[in-house]
């Protein structure tokens, strides 16, 4: 029971880390795109 809960917790943690990483990449990409667009115009 405890082992299963721990496994589920680690699964949730790894999934959350991947989601946060993807969100971070999107934010950085959008920020860089906006900065590039601002310097061009």
PDB file of N, CA and C in Angstrom:
ATOM      1  N   UNK A   1       0.833  -1.205   0.000  1.00  0.00           N
ATOM      2  CA  UNK A   1       0.000   0.000   0.000  1.00  0.00           C
ATOM      3  C   UNK A   1       0.874   1.264   0.000  1.00  0.00           C
ATOM      4  N   UNK A   2       1.836   1.309   0.933  1.00  0.00           N
ATOM      5  CA  UNK A   2       2.712   2.484   1.022  1.00  0.00           C
ATOM      6  C   UNK A   2       3.577   2.594  -0.242  1.00  0.00           C
ATOM      7  N   UNK A   3       4.085   1.447  -0.710  1.00  0.00           N
ATOM      8  CA  UNK A   3       4.932   1.436  -1.904  1.00  0.00           C
ATOM      9  C   UNK A   3       4.156   1.946  -3.119  1.00  0.00           C
ATOM     10  N   UNK A   4       2.892   1.541  -3.254  1.00  0.00           N
ATOM     11  CA  UNK A   4       2.053   1.987  -4.368  1.00  0.00           C
ATOM     12  C   UNK A   4       1.821   3.494  -4.294  1.00  0.00           C
ATOM     13  N   UNK A   5       1.561   3.989  -3.083  1.00  0.00           N
ATOM     14  CA  UNK A   5       1.354   5.431  -2.909  1.00  0.00           C
ATOM     15  C   UNK A   5       2.613   6.208  -3.287  1.00  0.00           C
ATOM     16  N   UNK A   6       3.771   5.692  -2.874  1.00  0.00           N
ATOM     17  CA  UNK A   6       5.043   6.330  -3.183  1.00  0.00           C
ATOM     18  C   UNK A   6       5.280   6.332  -4.689  1.00  0.00           C
ATOM     19  N   UNK A   7       4.952   5.218  -5.335  1.00  0.00           N
ATOM     20  CA  UNK A   7       5.107   5.102  -6.791  1.00  0.00           C
ATOM     21  C   UNK A   7       4.222   6.131  -7.494  1.00  0.00           C
ATOM     22  N   UNK A   8       2.987   6.254  -7.038  1.00  0.00           N
ATOM     23  CA  UNK A   8       2.065   7.226  -7.607  1.00  0.00           C
ATOM     24  C   UNK A   8       2.560   8.647  -7.401  1.00  0.00           C
ATOM     25  N   UNK A   9       3.152   8.900  -6.221  1.00  0.00           N
ATOM     26  CA  UNK A   9       3.687  10.225  -5.909  1.00  0.00           C
ATOM     27  C   UNK A   9       4.838  10.581  -6.846  1.00  0.00           C
ATOM     28  N   UNK A  10       5.739   9.620  -7.074  1.00  0.00           N
ATOM     29  CA  UNK A  10       6.869   9.864  -7.976  1.00  0.00           C
ATOM     30  C   UNK A  10       6.392  10.036  -9.420  1.00  0.00           C
ATOM     31  N   UNK A  11       5.371   9.264  -9.805  1.00  0.00           N
ATOM     32  CA  UNK A  11       4.776   9.410 -11.135  1.00  0.00           C
ATOM     33  C   UNK A  11       4.215  10.814 -11.300  1.00  0.00           C
ATOM     34  N   UNK A  12       3.480  11.284 -10.306  1.00  0.00           N
ATOM     35  CA  UNK A  12       2.900  12.629 -10.331  1.00  0.00           C
ATOM     36  C   UNK A  12       3.993  13.681 -10.385  1.00  0.00           C
ATOM     37  N   UNK A  13       5.054  13.486  -9.597  1.00  0.00           N
ATOM     38  CA  UNK A  13       6.156  14.443  -9.536  1.00  0.00           C
ATOM     39  C   UNK A  13       6.870  14.545 -10.883  1.00  0.00           C
ATOM     40  N   UNK A  14       7.151  13.407 -11.506  1.00  0.00           N
ATOM     41  CA  UNK A  14       7.839  13.420 -12.804  1.00  0.00           C
ATOM     42  C   UNK A  14       6.952  14.055 -13.881  1.00  0.00           C
ATOM     43  N   UNK A  15       5.652  13.760 -13.834  1.00  0.00           N
ATOM     44  CA  UNK A  15       4.724  14.359 -14.789  1.00  0.00           C
ATOM     45  C   UNK A  15       4.659  15.870 -14.598  1.00  0.00           C
ATOM     46  N   UNK A  16       4.578  16.308 -13.337  1.00  0.00           N
ATOM     47  CA  UNK A  16       4.528  17.736 -13.037  1.00  0.00           C
ATOM     48  C   UNK A  16       5.806  18.428 -13.498  1.00  0.00           C
ATOM     49  N   UNK A  17       6.954  17.782 -13.309  1.00  0.00           N
ATOM     50  CA  UNK A  17       8.231  18.358 -13.730  1.00  0.00           C
ATOM     51  C   UNK A  17       8.282  18.537 -15.246  1.00  0.00           C
ATOM     52  N   UNK A  18       7.796  17.525 -15.981  1.00  0.00           N
ATOM     53  CA  UNK A  18       7.770  17.607 -17.447  1.00  0.00           C
ATOM     54  C   UNK A  18       6.859  18.744 -17.897  1.00  0.00           C
ATOM     55  N   UNK A  19       5.675  18.852 -17.279  1.00  0.00           N
ATOM     56  CA  UNK A  19       4.724  19.908 -17.633  1.00  0.00           C
ATOM     57  C   UNK A  19       5.330  21.285 -17.354  1.00  0.00           C
ATOM     58  N   UNK A  20       5.942  21.444 -16.169  1.00  0.00           N
ATOM     59  CA  UNK A  20       6.572  22.714 -15.816  1.00  0.00           C
ATOM     60  C   UNK A  20       7.697  23.047 -16.786  1.00  0.00           C
ATOM     61  N   UNK A  21       8.491  22.056 -17.171  1.00  0.00           N
ATOM     62  CA  UNK A  21       9.601  22.250 -18.109  1.00  0.00           C
ATOM     63  C   UNK A  21       9.082  22.739 -19.457  1.00  0.00           C
ATOM     64  N   UNK A  22       8.001  22.109 -19.947  1.00  0.00           N
ATOM     65  CA  UNK A  22       7.408  22.492 -21.235  1.00  0.00           C
ATOM     66  C   UNK A  22       6.860  23.916 -21.160  1.00  0.00           C
ATOM     67  N   UNK A  23       6.152  24.243 -20.068  1.00  0.00           N
ATOM     68  CA  UNK A  23       5.604  25.587 -19.885  1.00  0.00           C
ATOM     69  C   UNK A  23       6.746  26.615 -19.869  1.00  0.00           C
ATOM     70  N   UNK A  24       7.827  26.276 -19.163  1.00  0.00           N
ATOM     71  CA  UNK A  24       8.995  27.166 -19.105  1.00  0.00           C
ATOM     72  C   UNK A  24       9.577  27.409 -20.487  1.00  0.00           C
ATOM     73  N   UNK A  25       9.702  26.343 -21.282  1.00  0.00           N
ATOM     74  CA  UNK A  25      10.234  26.471 -22.639  1.00  0.00           C
ATOM     75  C   UNK A  25       9.340  27.369 -23.492  1.00  0.00           C
ATOM     76  N   UNK A  26       8.032  27.199 -23.382  1.00  0.00           N
ATOM     77  CA  UNK A  26       7.079  28.012 -24.146  1.00  0.00           C
ATOM     78  C   UNK A  26       7.205  29.482 -23.756  1.00  0.00           C
ATOM     79  N   UNK A  27       7.291  29.762 -22.437  1.00  0.00           N
ATOM     80  CA  UNK A  27       7.413  31.137 -21.958  1.00  0.00           C
ATOM     81  C   UNK A  27       8.701  31.773 -22.493  1.00  0.00           C
ATOM     82  N   UNK A  28       9.825  31.036 -22.423  1.00  0.00           N
ATOM     83  CA  UNK A  28      11.109  31.548 -22.920  1.00  0.00           C
ATOM     84  C   UNK A  28      11.020  31.810 -24.425  1.00  0.00           C
ATOM     85  N   UNK A  29      10.427  30.871 -25.166  1.00  0.00           N
ATOM     86  CA  UNK A  29      10.300  31.011 -26.619  1.00  0.00           C
ATOM     87  C   UNK A  29       9.473  32.246 -26.977  1.00  0.00           C
ATOM     88  N   UNK A  30       8.340  32.433 -26.308  1.00  0.00           N
ATOM     89  CA  UNK A  30       7.473  33.584 -26.563  1.00  0.00           C
ATOM     90  C   UNK A  30       8.196  34.884 -26.213  1.00  0.00           C
ATOM     91  N   UNK A  31       8.893  34.892 -25.080  1.00  0.00           N
ATOM     92  CA  UNK A  31       9.631  36.088 -24.644  1.00  0.00           C
ATOM     93  C   UNK A  31      10.710  36.453 -25.663  1.00  0.00           C
ATOM     94  N   UNK A  32      11.482  35.458 -26.116  1.00  0.00           N
ATOM     95  CA  UNK A  32      12.531  35.699 -27.109  1.00  0.00           C
ATOM     96  C   UNK A  32      11.922  36.198 -28.422  1.00  0.00           C
ATOM     97  N   UNK A  33      10.808  35.602 -28.844  1.00  0.00           N
ATOM     98  CA  UNK A  33      10.132  36.003 -30.075  1.00  0.00           C
ATOM     99  C   UNK A  33       9.680  37.456 -29.995  1.00  0.00           C
ATOM    100  N   UNK A  34       9.094  37.828 -28.853  1.00  0.00           N
ATOM    101  CA  UNK A  34       8.637  39.208 -28.658  1.00  0.00           C
ATOM    102  C   UNK A  34       9.822  40.171 -28.675  1.00  0.00           C
ATOM    103  N   UNK A  35      10.929  39.794 -28.023  1.00  0.00           N
ATOM    104  CA  UNK A  35      12.120  40.646 -27.976  1.00  0.00           C
ATOM    105  C   UNK A  35      12.691  40.844 -29.382  1.00  0.00           C
ATOM    106  N   UNK A  36      12.755  39.761 -30.172  1.00  0.00           N
ATOM    107  CA  UNK A  36      13.258  39.858 -31.544  1.00  0.00           C
ATOM    108  C   UNK A  36      12.357  40.742 -32.399  1.00  0.00           C
ATOM    109  N   UNK A  37      11.047  40.581 -32.242  1.00  0.00           N
ATOM    110  CA  UNK A  37      10.095  41.360 -33.018  1.00  0.00           C
ATOM    111  C   UNK A  37      10.195  42.845 -32.667  1.00  0.00           C
ATOM    112  N   UNK A  38      10.451  43.155 -31.392  1.00  0.00           N
ATOM    113  CA  UNK A  38      10.556  44.535 -30.953  1.00  0.00           C
ATOM    114  C   UNK A  38      11.797  45.223 -31.532  1.00  0.00           C
ATOM    115  N   UNK A  39      12.923  44.487 -31.590  1.00  0.00           N
ATOM    116  CA  UNK A  39      14.159  45.090 -32.093  1.00  0.00           C
ATOM    117  C   UNK A  39      14.071  45.331 -33.601  1.00  0.00           C
ATOM    118  N   UNK A  40      13.354  44.470 -34.322  1.00  0.00           N
ATOM    119  CA  UNK A  40      13.226  44.617 -35.779  1.00  0.00           C
ATOM    120  C   UNK A  40      12.379  45.838 -36.154  1.00  0.00           C
ATOM    121  N   UNK A  41      11.271  46.052 -35.463  1.00  0.00           N
ATOM    122  CA  UNK A  41      10.360  47.133 -35.826  1.00  0.00           C
ATOM    123  C   UNK A  41      10.821  48.496 -35.328  1.00  0.00           C
TER     124      UNK A  41
END
